[in-house]
Amino acid sequence: MMKSNSRDGLTEGEGICYYPRDSGVVSYRGEYHRGRRHGNGTLVWRDGRTYTGKFANDRRGGIGTMTYRDGSTYTGAFVKGRRQGKGQRTYANGSTYQGSYENDVKQGLFVVHNGNGDRTIEVYDKGELKKRSSSRLRSNSVSNDYGVFSKRTNSTSSV
């Protein structure tokens, strides 16, 4: 069932669509262009997942947040419905994975932060873990793409 404006028989502008019970999707609320999900919107699946963010040509496309039924989230870039580029996965326990994806799989360097201050550097090639190293950050340190910075001394150590 569709509630929206139409132009030339195609959905245009903001609208909401409720999908049949035999579909894996419950609803989409957001922008349409030429009958397709396009622009900002929220898609809800029957298994409890939701996606809020940009759509392009009826697929997740641009920056968005995927929320999984276990409470974890992925925020980052999507291209043609797949994770592509930089993103961050945050788990319910507070641990985070920051890195890049290619065609929906991990690729390259990932920085893993656990809630207890432990940090792991992982290197992936086409989704396969190739290397892992661990270190412990002091509680007064800040990490970013360029290194670990101590708040007190302004000293750095490279990642």
Protein backbone atom coordinates (compact mmCIF):
# COMPACT_ATOMS: atom_id res chain seq x y z
CA MET A 1 0.00 0.00 0.00
CA MET A 2 1.44 3.35 -1.05
CA LYS A 3 0.64 6.80 0.32
CA SER A 4 2.30 9.57 -1.71
CA ASN A 5 2.05 11.97 -4.61
CA SER A 6 2.42 10.74 -8.15
CA ARG A 7 3.42 12.29 -11.43
CA ASP A 8 2.87 10.47 -14.69
CA GLY A 9 1.82 7.43 -12.66
CA LEU A 10 5.17 7.32 -10.79
CA THR A 11 5.62 8.08 -7.09
CA GLU A 12 7.25 11.46 -6.56
CA GLY A 13 8.24 13.36 -3.40
CA GLU A 14 7.75 12.06 0.14
CA GLY A 15 5.71 8.98 0.80
CA ILE A 16 5.29 5.78 2.76
CA CYS A 17 4.97 2.25 1.43
CA TYR A 18 3.81 -0.80 3.41
CA TYR A 19 4.92 -4.10 1.91
CA PRO A 20 2.98 -7.41 1.76
CA ARG A 21 3.40 -9.85 4.67
CA ASP A 22 5.32 -12.34 2.49
CA SER A 23 7.96 -9.66 1.80
CA GLY A 24 11.09 -9.40 3.93
CA VAL A 25 10.44 -5.66 4.24
CA VAL A 26 7.80 -4.01 6.45
CA SER A 27 7.88 -0.41 5.27
CA TYR A 28 9.73 2.46 3.65
CA ARG A 29 9.12 6.07 4.62
CA GLY A 30 10.97 8.73 2.72
CA GLU A 31 11.62 10.38 -0.59
CA TYR A 32 10.78 8.99 -4.03
CA HIS A 33 11.86 10.05 -7.48
CA ARG A 34 10.30 8.55 -10.62
CA GLY A 35 8.74 5.71 -8.61
CA ARG A 36 11.95 4.68 -6.82
CA ARG A 37 13.31 5.23 -3.33
CA HIS A 38 15.64 8.17 -3.84
CA GLY A 39 16.85 10.72 -1.27
CA ASN A 40 16.45 10.43 2.50
CA GLY A 41 14.41 7.60 3.98
CA THR A 42 13.99 4.77 6.45
CA LEU A 43 13.58 1.12 5.47
CA VAL A 44 12.36 -1.44 8.04
CA TRP A 45 12.80 -5.23 7.61
CA ARG A 46 10.68 -7.93 9.27
CA ASP A 47 13.74 -9.40 11.03
CA GLY A 48 14.19 -6.16 13.04
CA ARG A 49 16.83 -4.37 10.96
CA THR A 50 16.41 -0.73 9.96
CA TYR A 51 18.30 1.56 7.63
CA THR A 52 18.06 5.34 7.85
CA GLY A 53 19.94 7.44 5.35
CA LYS A 54 20.36 8.14 1.67
CA PHE A 55 18.88 6.09 -1.15
CA ALA A 56 19.77 6.19 -4.84
CA ASN A 57 17.79 4.36 -7.54
CA ASP A 58 15.86 2.21 -5.03
CA ARG A 59 18.97 1.08 -3.11
CA ARG A 60 20.93 2.25 -0.09
CA GLY A 61 23.29 4.81 -1.61
CA GLY A 62 25.24 7.50 0.23
CA ILE A 63 25.74 7.89 3.98
CA GLY A 64 23.41 6.00 6.28
CA THR A 65 23.02 3.99 9.46
CA MET A 66 22.04 0.32 9.52
CA THR A 67 20.70 -0.84 12.89
CA TYR A 68 20.69 -4.60 13.52
CA ARG A 69 18.31 -6.48 15.80
CA ASP A 70 21.09 -7.15 18.34
CA GLY A 71 21.42 -3.36 18.88
CA SER A 72 24.64 -2.94 16.91
CA THR A 73 24.91 -0.30 14.20
CA TYR A 74 26.92 0.42 11.08
CA THR A 75 27.27 4.04 10.00
CA GLY A 76 29.05 4.83 6.79
CA ALA A 77 28.94 4.88 3.02
CA PHE A 78 26.77 2.65 0.83
CA VAL A 79 26.89 2.17 -2.94
CA LYS A 80 24.21 0.13 -4.75
CA GLY A 81 22.98 -1.26 -1.42
CA ARG A 82 26.41 -2.42 -0.22
CA ARG A 83 28.88 -1.01 2.28
CA GLN A 84 31.53 0.84 0.29
CA GLY A 85 34.18 3.18 1.70
CA LYS A 86 34.72 4.30 5.29
CA GLY A 87 32.39 3.23 8.05
CA GLN A 88 32.09 2.33 11.70
CA ARG A 89 30.39 -0.68 13.29
CA THR A 90 29.38 -0.14 16.92
CA TYR A 91 28.32 -3.10 19.05
CA ALA A 92 25.91 -3.07 22.01
CA ASN A 93 28.86 -3.60 24.41
CA GLY A 94 30.45 -0.32 23.20
CA SER A 95 33.26 -1.76 21.08
CA THR A 96 33.78 -0.17 17.66
CA TYR A 97 35.33 -1.24 14.35
CA GLN A 98 36.46 1.63 12.10
CA GLY A 99 37.71 1.02 8.58
CA SER A 100 36.88 0.68 4.90
CA TYR A 101 34.70 -1.68 2.95
CA GLU A 102 34.80 -2.71 -0.69
CA ASN A 103 31.77 -4.45 -2.13
CA ASP A 104 30.35 -5.09 1.37
CA VAL A 105 33.51 -6.75 2.81
CA LYS A 106 36.29 -5.39 5.02
CA GLN A 107 39.29 -4.10 3.07
CA GLY A 108 42.49 -2.59 4.43
CA LEU A 109 43.17 -1.20 7.90
CA PHE A 110 40.59 -1.47 10.72
CA VAL A 111 40.97 0.02 14.18
CA VAL A 112 39.04 -1.87 16.85
CA HIS A 113 38.31 -0.10 20.15
CA ASN A 114 36.98 -2.06 23.10
CA GLY A 115 35.20 -0.28 25.93
CA ASN A 116 38.05 -1.14 28.32
CA GLY A 117 40.71 0.89 26.45
CA ASP A 118 42.20 -1.96 24.44
CA ARG A 119 42.83 -1.23 20.79
CA THR A 120 43.51 -3.71 18.01
CA ILE A 121 44.75 -2.92 14.53
CA GLU A 122 43.52 -5.41 11.94
CA VAL A 123 44.39 -5.62 8.24
CA TYR A 124 41.94 -7.26 5.81
CA ASP A 125 42.19 -8.31 2.19
CA LYS A 126 38.81 -9.00 0.54
CA GLY A 127 37.25 -9.72 3.94
CA GLU A 128 40.00 -12.07 5.09
CA LEU A 129 41.95 -11.09 8.24
CA LYS A 130 45.66 -10.91 7.29
CA LYS A 131 47.28 -9.27 10.31
CA ARG A 132 46.36 -8.25 13.88
CA SER A 133 48.23 -6.29 16.52
CA SER A 134 47.06 -5.08 19.92
CA SER A 135 47.93 -2.22 22.24
CA ARG A 136 46.45 -0.58 25.29
CA LEU A 137 45.54 3.09 25.17
CA ARG A 138 45.82 5.15 28.32
CA SER A 139 42.48 6.54 29.47
CA ASN A 140 43.73 10.10 28.80
CA SER A 141 44.53 9.42 25.13
CA VAL A 142 42.62 10.28 21.99
CA SER A 143 42.95 8.24 18.79
CA ASN A 144 42.25 9.38 15.24
CA ASP A 145 43.43 8.53 11.71
CA TYR A 146 46.83 10.13 12.35
CA GLY A 147 47.94 8.64 15.66
CA VAL A 148 47.30 8.47 19.40
CA PHE A 149 47.53 11.74 21.27
CA SER A 150 47.98 12.13 24.99
CA LYS A 151 45.74 14.87 26.38
CA ARG A 152 48.32 15.87 29.01
CA THR A 153 51.61 15.86 27.14
CA ASN A 154 50.55 16.36 23.52
CA SER A 155 52.94 13.54 22.61
CA THR A 156 52.08 11.21 19.77
CA SER A 157 52.71 7.65 18.79
CA SER A 158 52.01 6.44 15.28
CA VAL A 159 49.42 3.82 14.48
